[in-house]
PDB file of N, CA and C in Angstrom:
ATOM      1  N   UNK A   1       0.842  -1.183   0.000  1.00  0.00           N
ATOM      2  CA  UNK A   1       0.000   0.000   0.000  1.00  0.00           C
ATOM      3  C   UNK A   1       0.887   1.246   0.000  1.00  0.00           C
ATOM      4  N   UNK A   2       0.472   2.222  -0.781  1.00  0.00           N
ATOM      5  CA  UNK A   2       1.155   3.513  -0.825  1.00  0.00           C
ATOM      6  C   UNK A   2       0.128   4.600  -0.551  1.00  0.00           C
ATOM      7  N   UNK A   3       0.603   5.717  -0.024  1.00  0.00           N
ATOM      8  CA  UNK A   3      -0.323   6.818   0.257  1.00  0.00           C
ATOM      9  C   UNK A   3       0.396   8.147   0.108  1.00  0.00           C
ATOM     10  N   UNK A   4      -0.396   9.183  -0.059  1.00  0.00           N
ATOM     11  CA  UNK A   4       0.151  10.523  -0.188  1.00  0.00           C
ATOM     12  C   UNK A   4      -0.941  11.549   0.023  1.00  0.00           C
ATOM     13  N   UNK A   5      -0.542  12.800   0.088  1.00  0.00           N
ATOM     14  CA  UNK A   5      -1.538  13.858   0.268  1.00  0.00           C
ATOM     15  C   UNK A   5      -1.335  14.928  -0.784  1.00  0.00           C
ATOM     16  N   UNK A   6      -2.422  15.646  -1.049  1.00  0.00           N
ATOM     17  CA  UNK A   6      -2.405  16.686  -2.067  1.00  0.00           C
ATOM     18  C   UNK A   6      -3.406  17.762  -1.674  1.00  0.00           C
ATOM     19  N   UNK A   7      -3.075  18.995  -1.993  1.00  0.00           N
ATOM     20  CA  UNK A   7      -3.964  20.119  -1.694  1.00  0.00           C
ATOM     21  C   UNK A   7      -4.748  20.481  -2.952  1.00  0.00           C
ATOM     22  N   UNK A   8      -6.043  20.695  -2.792  1.00  0.00           N
ATOM     23  CA  UNK A   8      -6.906  21.090  -3.903  1.00  0.00           C
ATOM     24  C   UNK A   8      -6.617  22.553  -4.244  1.00  0.00           C
ATOM     25  N   UNK A   9      -6.241  22.800  -5.504  1.00  0.00           N
ATOM     26  CA  UNK A   9      -5.938  24.170  -5.930  1.00  0.00           C
ATOM     27  C   UNK A   9      -6.981  24.718  -6.900  1.00  0.00           C
ATOM     28  N   UNK A  10      -7.886  23.867  -7.338  1.00  0.00           N
ATOM     29  CA  UNK A  10      -8.924  24.287  -8.275  1.00  0.00           C
ATOM     30  C   UNK A  10      -9.810  25.333  -7.620  1.00  0.00           C
ATOM     31  N   UNK A  11      -9.999  26.457  -8.297  1.00  0.00           N
ATOM     32  CA  UNK A  11     -10.704  27.614  -7.735  1.00  0.00           C
ATOM     33  C   UNK A  11     -12.068  27.260  -7.142  1.00  0.00           C
ATOM     34  N   UNK A  12     -12.821  26.427  -7.813  1.00  0.00           N
ATOM     35  CA  UNK A  12     -14.160  26.057  -7.340  1.00  0.00           C
ATOM     36  C   UNK A  12     -14.185  24.718  -6.616  1.00  0.00           C
ATOM     37  N   UNK A  13     -13.026  24.205  -6.250  1.00  0.00           N
ATOM     38  CA  UNK A  13     -12.968  22.924  -5.572  1.00  0.00           C
ATOM     39  C   UNK A  13     -13.258  21.785  -6.538  1.00  0.00           C
ATOM     40  N   UNK A  14     -13.434  20.598  -5.985  1.00  0.00           N
ATOM     41  CA  UNK A  14     -13.727  19.432  -6.821  1.00  0.00           C
ATOM     42  C   UNK A  14     -15.239  19.288  -6.920  1.00  0.00           C
ATOM     43  N   UNK A  15     -15.804  19.962  -7.919  1.00  0.00           N
ATOM     44  CA  UNK A  15     -17.245  19.901  -8.161  1.00  0.00           C
ATOM     45  C   UNK A  15     -17.553  18.640  -8.968  1.00  0.00           C
ATOM     46  N   UNK A  16     -18.792  18.458  -9.360  1.00  0.00           N
ATOM     47  CA  UNK A  16     -19.236  17.211  -9.977  1.00  0.00           C
ATOM     48  C   UNK A  16     -18.448  16.840 -11.237  1.00  0.00           C
ATOM     49  N   UNK A  17     -18.180  17.793 -12.109  1.00  0.00           N
ATOM     50  CA  UNK A  17     -17.449  17.471 -13.342  1.00  0.00           C
ATOM     51  C   UNK A  17     -16.035  16.991 -13.027  1.00  0.00           C
ATOM     52  N   UNK A  18     -15.356  17.671 -12.106  1.00  0.00           N
ATOM     53  CA  UNK A  18     -13.993  17.262 -11.756  1.00  0.00           C
ATOM     54  C   UNK A  18     -13.996  15.957 -10.972  1.00  0.00           C
ATOM     55  N   UNK A  19     -15.011  15.758 -10.144  1.00  0.00           N
ATOM     56  CA  UNK A  19     -15.140  14.482  -9.432  1.00  0.00           C
ATOM     57  C   UNK A  19     -15.267  13.353 -10.447  1.00  0.00           C
ATOM     58  N   UNK A  20     -16.021  13.593 -11.508  1.00  0.00           N
ATOM     59  CA  UNK A  20     -16.191  12.602 -12.568  1.00  0.00           C
ATOM     60  C   UNK A  20     -14.858  12.289 -13.245  1.00  0.00           C
ATOM     61  N   UNK A  21     -14.045  13.311 -13.490  1.00  0.00           N
ATOM     62  CA  UNK A  21     -12.724  13.105 -14.091  1.00  0.00           C
ATOM     63  C   UNK A  21     -11.816  12.304 -13.159  1.00  0.00           C
ATOM     64  N   UNK A  22     -11.885  12.600 -11.876  1.00  0.00           N
ATOM     65  CA  UNK A  22     -11.070  11.889 -10.892  1.00  0.00           C
ATOM     66  C   UNK A  22     -11.479  10.420 -10.819  1.00  0.00           C
ATOM     67  N   UNK A  23     -12.778  10.162 -10.805  1.00  0.00           N
ATOM     68  CA  UNK A  23     -13.295   8.790 -10.758  1.00  0.00           C
ATOM     69  C   UNK A  23     -12.908   8.033 -12.032  1.00  0.00           C
ATOM     70  N   UNK A  24     -13.025   8.682 -13.173  1.00  0.00           N
ATOM     71  CA  UNK A  24     -12.643   8.058 -14.445  1.00  0.00           C
ATOM     72  C   UNK A  24     -11.167   7.661 -14.410  1.00  0.00           C
ATOM     73  N   UNK A  25     -10.332   8.554 -13.917  1.00  0.00           N
ATOM     74  CA  UNK A  25      -8.901   8.260 -13.818  1.00  0.00           C
ATOM     75  C   UNK A  25      -8.655   7.108 -12.847  1.00  0.00           C
ATOM     76  N   UNK A  26      -9.317   7.127 -11.696  1.00  0.00           N
ATOM     77  CA  UNK A  26      -9.143   6.057 -10.705  1.00  0.00           C
ATOM     78  C   UNK A  26      -9.563   4.708 -11.281  1.00  0.00           C
ATOM     79  N   UNK A  27     -10.631   4.705 -12.060  1.00  0.00           N
ATOM     80  CA  UNK A  27     -11.126   3.460 -12.650  1.00  0.00           C
ATOM     81  C   UNK A  27     -10.212   2.910 -13.732  1.00  0.00           C
ATOM     82  N   UNK A  28      -9.258   3.692 -14.198  1.00  0.00           N
ATOM     83  CA  UNK A  28      -8.326   3.200 -15.208  1.00  0.00           C
ATOM     84  C   UNK A  28      -7.203   2.367 -14.580  1.00  0.00           C
ATOM     85  N   UNK A  29      -7.171   2.283 -13.254  1.00  0.00           N
ATOM     86  CA  UNK A  29      -6.173   1.488 -12.539  1.00  0.00           C
ATOM     87  C   UNK A  29      -6.838   0.279 -11.889  1.00  0.00           C
ATOM     88  N   UNK A  30      -6.068  -0.794 -11.737  1.00  0.00           N
ATOM     89  CA  UNK A  30      -6.590  -2.019 -11.120  1.00  0.00           C
ATOM     90  C   UNK A  30      -6.602  -1.938  -9.593  1.00  0.00           C
ATOM     91  N   UNK A  31      -5.772  -1.113  -9.028  1.00  0.00           N
ATOM     92  CA  UNK A  31      -5.640  -1.020  -7.569  1.00  0.00           C
ATOM     93  C   UNK A  31      -6.913  -0.523  -6.903  1.00  0.00           C
ATOM     94  N   UNK A  32      -7.052  -0.885  -5.637  1.00  0.00           N
ATOM     95  CA  UNK A  32      -8.106  -0.305  -4.800  1.00  0.00           C
ATOM     96  C   UNK A  32      -7.597   1.064  -4.367  1.00  0.00           C
ATOM     97  N   UNK A  33      -8.411   2.097  -4.561  1.00  0.00           N
ATOM     98  CA  UNK A  33      -7.976   3.463  -4.269  1.00  0.00           C
ATOM     99  C   UNK A  33      -9.007   4.144  -3.383  1.00  0.00           C
ATOM    100  N   UNK A  34      -8.533   4.731  -2.311  1.00  0.00           N
ATOM    101  CA  UNK A  34      -9.399   5.446  -1.381  1.00  0.00           C
ATOM    102  C   UNK A  34      -8.919   6.894  -1.281  1.00  0.00           C
ATOM    103  N   UNK A  35      -9.880   7.804  -1.091  1.00  0.00           N
ATOM    104  CA  UNK A  35      -9.568   9.222  -0.903  1.00  0.00           C
ATOM    105  C   UNK A  35     -10.235   9.673   0.387  1.00  0.00           C
ATOM    106  N   UNK A  36      -9.500  10.426   1.196  1.00  0.00           N
ATOM    107  CA  UNK A  36     -10.051  10.921   2.458  1.00  0.00           C
ATOM    108  C   UNK A  36      -9.873  12.431   2.554  1.00  0.00           C
ATOM    109  N   UNK A  37     -10.871  13.053   3.151  1.00  0.00           N
ATOM    110  CA  UNK A  37     -10.807  14.484   3.490  1.00  0.00           C
ATOM    111  C   UNK A  37     -11.323  14.589   4.912  1.00  0.00           C
ATOM    112  N   UNK A  38     -10.533  15.189   5.763  1.00  0.00           N
ATOM    113  CA  UNK A  38     -10.855  15.234   7.192  1.00  0.00           C
ATOM    114  C   UNK A  38     -11.025  13.793   7.675  1.00  0.00           C
ATOM    115  N   UNK A  39     -12.151  13.436   8.248  1.00  0.00           N
ATOM    116  CA  UNK A  39     -12.333  12.071   8.755  1.00  0.00           C
ATOM    117  C   UNK A  39     -13.178  11.210   7.821  1.00  0.00           C
ATOM    118  N   UNK A  40     -13.520  11.728   6.653  1.00  0.00           N
ATOM    119  CA  UNK A  40     -14.367  10.998   5.708  1.00  0.00           C
ATOM    120  C   UNK A  40     -13.507  10.336   4.636  1.00  0.00           C
ATOM    121  N   UNK A  41     -13.612   9.007   4.522  1.00  0.00           N
ATOM    122  CA  UNK A  41     -12.864   8.261   3.514  1.00  0.00           C
ATOM    123  C   UNK A  41     -13.846   7.600   2.557  1.00  0.00           C
ATOM    124  N   UNK A  42     -13.565   7.710   1.250  1.00  0.00           N
ATOM    125  CA  UNK A  42     -14.462   7.154   0.236  1.00  0.00           C
ATOM    126  C   UNK A  42     -13.666   6.399  -0.818  1.00  0.00           C
ATOM    127  N   UNK A  43     -14.369   5.545  -1.541  1.00  0.00           N
ATOM    128  CA  UNK A  43     -13.792   4.829  -2.665  1.00  0.00           C
ATOM    129  C   UNK A  43     -13.593   5.822  -3.810  1.00  0.00           C
ATOM    130  N   UNK A  44     -12.377   5.925  -4.314  1.00  0.00           N
ATOM    131  CA  UNK A  44     -12.073   6.881  -5.383  1.00  0.00           C
ATOM    132  C   UNK A  44     -12.728   6.503  -6.705  1.00  0.00           C
ATOM    133  N   UNK A  45     -13.297   5.311  -6.779  1.00  0.00           N
ATOM    134  CA  UNK A  45     -13.953   4.864  -8.008  1.00  0.00           C
ATOM    135  C   UNK A  45     -15.461   5.084  -7.953  1.00  0.00           C
ATOM    136  N   UNK A  46     -15.922   5.787  -6.921  1.00  0.00           N
ATOM    137  CA  UNK A  46     -17.348   6.067  -6.728  1.00  0.00           C
ATOM    138  C   UNK A  46     -17.624   7.554  -6.908  1.00  0.00           C
ATOM    139  N   UNK A  47     -18.427   7.902  -7.901  1.00  0.00           N
ATOM    140  CA  UNK A  47     -18.742   9.310  -8.150  1.00  0.00           C
ATOM    141  C   UNK A  47     -19.487   9.918  -6.969  1.00  0.00           C
ATOM    142  N   UNK A  48     -20.398   9.174  -6.374  1.00  0.00           N
ATOM    143  CA  UNK A  48     -21.131   9.707  -5.220  1.00  0.00           C
ATOM    144  C   UNK A  48     -20.196   9.957  -4.046  1.00  0.00           C
ATOM    145  N   UNK A  49     -19.254   9.046  -3.844  1.00  0.00           N
ATOM    146  CA  UNK A  49     -18.305   9.212  -2.755  1.00  0.00           C
ATOM    147  C   UNK A  49     -17.402  10.416  -2.947  1.00  0.00           C
ATOM    148  N   UNK A  50     -16.798  10.521  -4.125  1.00  0.00           N
ATOM    149  CA  UNK A  50     -15.854  11.614  -4.390  1.00  0.00           C
ATOM    150  C   UNK A  50     -16.570  12.962  -4.381  1.00  0.00           C
ATOM    151  N   UNK A  51     -17.723  13.041  -5.034  1.00  0.00           N
ATOM    152  CA  UNK A  51     -18.476  14.300  -5.050  1.00  0.00           C
ATOM    153  C   UNK A  51     -18.937  14.665  -3.641  1.00  0.00           C
ATOM    154  N   UNK A  52     -19.261  13.653  -2.845  1.00  0.00           N
ATOM    155  CA  UNK A  52     -19.738  13.876  -1.486  1.00  0.00           C
ATOM    156  C   UNK A  52     -18.679  14.373  -0.517  1.00  0.00           C
ATOM    157  N   UNK A  53     -17.413  14.308  -0.906  1.00  0.00           N
ATOM    158  CA  UNK A  53     -16.351  14.817  -0.031  1.00  0.00           C
ATOM    159  C   UNK A  53     -16.444  16.327   0.146  1.00  0.00           C
ATOM    160  N   UNK A  54     -16.982  17.008  -0.842  1.00  0.00           N
ATOM    161  CA  UNK A  54     -17.083  18.468  -0.756  1.00  0.00           C
ATOM    162  C   UNK A  54     -15.721  19.127  -0.647  1.00  0.00           C
ATOM    163  N   UNK A  55     -14.775  18.665  -1.452  1.00  0.00           N
ATOM    164  CA  UNK A  55     -13.404  19.184  -1.395  1.00  0.00           C
ATOM    165  C   UNK A  55     -13.333  20.572  -2.024  1.00  0.00           C
ATOM    166  N   UNK A  56     -13.168  21.575  -1.187  1.00  0.00           N
ATOM    167  CA  UNK A  56     -13.075  22.964  -1.641  1.00  0.00           C
ATOM    168  C   UNK A  56     -11.616  23.342  -1.850  1.00  0.00           C
ATOM    169  N   UNK A  57     -11.392  24.485  -2.489  1.00  0.00           N
ATOM    170  CA  UNK A  57     -10.032  24.964  -2.684  1.00  0.00           C
ATOM    171  C   UNK A  57      -9.346  25.065  -1.316  1.00  0.00           C
ATOM    172  N   UNK A  58      -8.121  24.562  -1.248  1.00  0.00           N
ATOM    173  CA  UNK A  58      -7.372  24.560   0.001  1.00  0.00           C
ATOM    174  C   UNK A  58      -7.540  23.297   0.823  1.00  0.00           C
ATOM    175  N   UNK A  59      -8.518  22.465   0.474  1.00  0.00           N
ATOM    176  CA  UNK A  59      -8.720  21.200   1.189  1.00  0.00           C
ATOM    177  C   UNK A  59      -7.529  20.281   0.951  1.00  0.00           C
ATOM    178  N   UNK A  60      -7.193  19.504   1.969  1.00  0.00           N
ATOM    179  CA  UNK A  60      -6.124  18.531   1.828  1.00  0.00           C
ATOM    180  C   UNK A  60      -6.754  17.151   1.689  1.00  0.00           C
ATOM    181  N   UNK A  61      -6.375  16.444   0.629  1.00  0.00           N
ATOM    182  CA  UNK A  61      -6.877  15.100   0.381  1.00  0.00           C
ATOM    183  C   UNK A  61      -5.772  14.095   0.651  1.00  0.00           C
ATOM    184  N   UNK A  62      -6.140  12.981   1.246  1.00  0.00           N
ATOM    185  CA  UNK A  62      -5.216  11.879   1.477  1.00  0.00           C
ATOM    186  C   UNK A  62      -5.643  10.745   0.557  1.00  0.00           C
ATOM    187  N   UNK A  63      -4.726  10.280  -0.268  1.00  0.00           N
ATOM    188  CA  UNK A  63      -5.030   9.232  -1.236  1.00  0.00           C
ATOM    189  C   UNK A  63      -4.185   8.017  -0.895  1.00  0.00           C
ATOM    190  N   UNK A  64      -4.822   6.842  -0.881  1.00  0.00           N
ATOM    191  CA  UNK A  64      -4.055   5.612  -0.688  1.00  0.00           C
ATOM    192  C   UNK A  64      -4.489   4.600  -1.735  1.00  0.00           C
ATOM    193  N   UNK A  65      -3.524   3.820  -2.185  1.00  0.00           N
ATOM    194  CA  UNK A  65      -3.780   2.830  -3.220  1.00  0.00           C
ATOM    195  C   UNK A  65      -3.115   1.519  -2.831  1.00  0.00           C
ATOM    196  N   UNK A  66      -3.782   0.422  -3.179  1.00  0.00           N
ATOM    197  CA  UNK A  66      -3.231  -0.894  -2.895  1.00  0.00           C
ATOM    198  C   UNK A  66      -3.546  -1.813  -4.060  1.00  0.00           C
ATOM    199  N   UNK A  67      -2.495  -2.399  -4.631  1.00  0.00           N
ATOM    200  CA  UNK A  67      -2.680  -3.315  -5.752  1.00  0.00           C
ATOM    201  C   UNK A  67      -1.479  -3.319  -6.678  1.00  0.00           C
ATOM    202  N   UNK A  68      -1.646  -3.995  -7.808  1.00  0.00           N
ATOM    203  CA  UNK A  68      -0.559  -4.178  -8.772  1.00  0.00           C
ATOM    204  C   UNK A  68       0.040  -2.873  -9.280  1.00  0.00           C
ATOM    205  N   UNK A  69      -0.810  -1.892  -9.513  1.00  0.00           N
ATOM    206  CA  UNK A  69      -0.344  -0.628 -10.090  1.00  0.00           C
ATOM    207  C   UNK A  69      -0.496   0.538  -9.106  1.00  0.00           C
ATOM    208  N   UNK A  70      -0.315   0.243  -7.818  1.00  0.00           N
ATOM    209  CA  UNK A  70      -0.567   1.240  -6.770  1.00  0.00           C
ATOM    210  C   UNK A  70       0.303   2.490  -6.901  1.00  0.00           C
ATOM    211  N   UNK A  71       1.575   2.319  -7.210  1.00  0.00           N
ATOM    212  CA  UNK A  71       2.463   3.486  -7.313  1.00  0.00           C
ATOM    213  C   UNK A  71       2.056   4.387  -8.472  1.00  0.00           C
ATOM    214  N   UNK A  72       1.783   3.779  -9.613  1.00  0.00           N
ATOM    215  CA  UNK A  72       1.363   4.555 -10.783  1.00  0.00           C
ATOM    216  C   UNK A  72       0.043   5.270 -10.514  1.00  0.00           C
ATOM    217  N   UNK A  73      -0.878   4.571  -9.859  1.00  0.00           N
ATOM    218  CA  UNK A  73      -2.187   5.162  -9.552  1.00  0.00           C
ATOM    219  C   UNK A  73      -2.031   6.369  -8.636  1.00  0.00           C
ATOM    220  N   UNK A  74      -1.258   6.209  -7.572  1.00  0.00           N
ATOM    221  CA  UNK A  74      -1.069   7.304  -6.620  1.00  0.00           C
ATOM    222  C   UNK A  74      -0.402   8.499  -7.295  1.00  0.00           C
ATOM    223  N   UNK A  75       0.666   8.245  -8.024  1.00  0.00           N
ATOM    224  CA  UNK A  75       1.376   9.336  -8.703  1.00  0.00           C
ATOM    225  C   UNK A  75       0.467  10.054  -9.692  1.00  0.00           C
ATOM    226  N   UNK A  76      -0.317   9.298 -10.449  1.00  0.00           N
ATOM    227  CA  UNK A  76      -1.179   9.921 -11.453  1.00  0.00           C
ATOM    228  C   UNK A  76      -2.268  10.764 -10.795  1.00  0.00           C
ATOM    229  N   UNK A  77      -2.932  10.228  -9.778  1.00  0.00           N
ATOM    230  CA  UNK A  77      -4.035  10.961  -9.150  1.00  0.00           C
ATOM    231  C   UNK A  77      -3.544  12.209  -8.422  1.00  0.00           C
ATOM    232  N   UNK A  78      -2.416  12.109  -7.740  1.00  0.00           N
ATOM    233  CA  UNK A  78      -1.853  13.298  -7.091  1.00  0.00           C
ATOM    234  C   UNK A  78      -1.478  14.328  -8.157  1.00  0.00           C
ATOM    235  N   UNK A  79      -0.864  13.876  -9.233  1.00  0.00           N
ATOM    236  CA  UNK A  79      -0.501  14.777 -10.323  1.00  0.00           C
ATOM    237  C   UNK A  79      -1.714  15.429 -10.965  1.00  0.00           C
ATOM    238  N   UNK A  80      -2.805  14.682 -11.067  1.00  0.00           N
ATOM    239  CA  UNK A  80      -4.040  15.214 -11.644  1.00  0.00           C
ATOM    240  C   UNK A  80      -4.569  16.379 -10.812  1.00  0.00           C
ATOM    241  N   UNK A  81      -4.623  16.192  -9.500  1.00  0.00           N
ATOM    242  CA  UNK A  81      -5.117  17.253  -8.613  1.00  0.00           C
ATOM    243  C   UNK A  81      -4.136  18.427  -8.590  1.00  0.00           C
ATOM    244  N   UNK A  82      -2.830  18.130  -8.518  1.00  0.00           N
ATOM    245  CA  UNK A  82      -1.813  19.192  -8.490  1.00  0.00           C
ATOM    246  C   UNK A  82      -1.787  20.016  -9.775  1.00  0.00           C
ATOM    247  N   UNK A  83      -2.174  19.399 -10.886  1.00  0.00           N
ATOM    248  CA  UNK A  83      -2.145  20.096 -12.180  1.00  0.00           C
ATOM    249  C   UNK A  83      -3.440  20.852 -12.451  1.00  0.00           C
ATOM    250  N   UNK A  84      -4.294  20.957 -11.450  1.00  0.00           N
ATOM    251  CA  UNK A  84      -5.588  21.626 -11.618  1.00  0.00           C
ATOM    252  C   UNK A  84      -6.412  20.914 -12.688  1.00  0.00           C
ATOM    253  N   UNK A  85      -6.271  19.585 -12.713  1.00  0.00           N
ATOM    254  CA  UNK A  85      -7.006  18.691 -13.611  1.00  0.00           C
ATOM    255  C   UNK A  85      -6.643  18.889 -15.081  1.00  0.00           C
ATOM    256  N   UNK A  86      -5.466  19.436 -15.354  1.00  0.00           N
ATOM    257  CA  UNK A  86      -4.996  19.570 -16.731  1.00  0.00           C
ATOM    258  C   UNK A  86      -4.336  18.283 -17.213  1.00  0.00           C
ATOM    259  N   UNK A  87      -3.817  17.478 -16.281  1.00  0.00           N
ATOM    260  CA  UNK A  87      -3.130  16.241 -16.642  1.00  0.00           C
ATOM    261  C   UNK A  87      -4.072  15.280 -17.356  1.00  0.00           C
ATOM    262  N   UNK A  88      -5.345  15.264 -16.968  1.00  0.00           N
ATOM    263  CA  UNK A  88      -6.328  14.361 -17.577  1.00  0.00           C
ATOM    264  C   UNK A  88      -6.442  14.626 -19.074  1.00  0.00           C
ATOM    265  N   UNK A  89      -6.313  15.863 -19.465  1.00  0.00           N
ATOM    266  CA  UNK A  89      -6.437  16.210 -20.879  1.00  0.00           C
ATOM    267  C   UNK A  89      -5.237  15.715 -21.682  1.00  0.00           C
ATOM    268  N   UNK A  90      -4.113  15.486 -21.002  1.00  0.00           N
ATOM    269  CA  UNK A  90      -2.903  15.024 -21.678  1.00  0.00           C
ATOM    270  C   UNK A  90      -2.859  13.511 -21.792  1.00  0.00           C
ATOM    271  N   UNK A  91      -3.656  12.822 -21.013  1.00  0.00           N
ATOM    272  CA  UNK A  91      -3.574  11.364 -20.951  1.00  0.00           C
ATOM    273  C   UNK A  91      -4.177  10.720 -22.155  1.00  0.00           C
TER     274      UNK A  91
END
């Protein structure tokens, strides 16, 4: 298992469209991926879970992944959030 944290820099936070992009990216990996904000932890492959986090600008997210491609998954998802969701367009 690997884990890391990332700060949300998107001006409007992770709203429904960005949550959808995050879930789509998470689903492209085989690993089990969880995202937590404060004390709430959700499955990163669930749109309801990710959207329900209510991650606003400045929020700190903790991401953990476990599985065959855990390192790649963690690096990609952290990079996606750090890039203000521009990385998804490059993939």
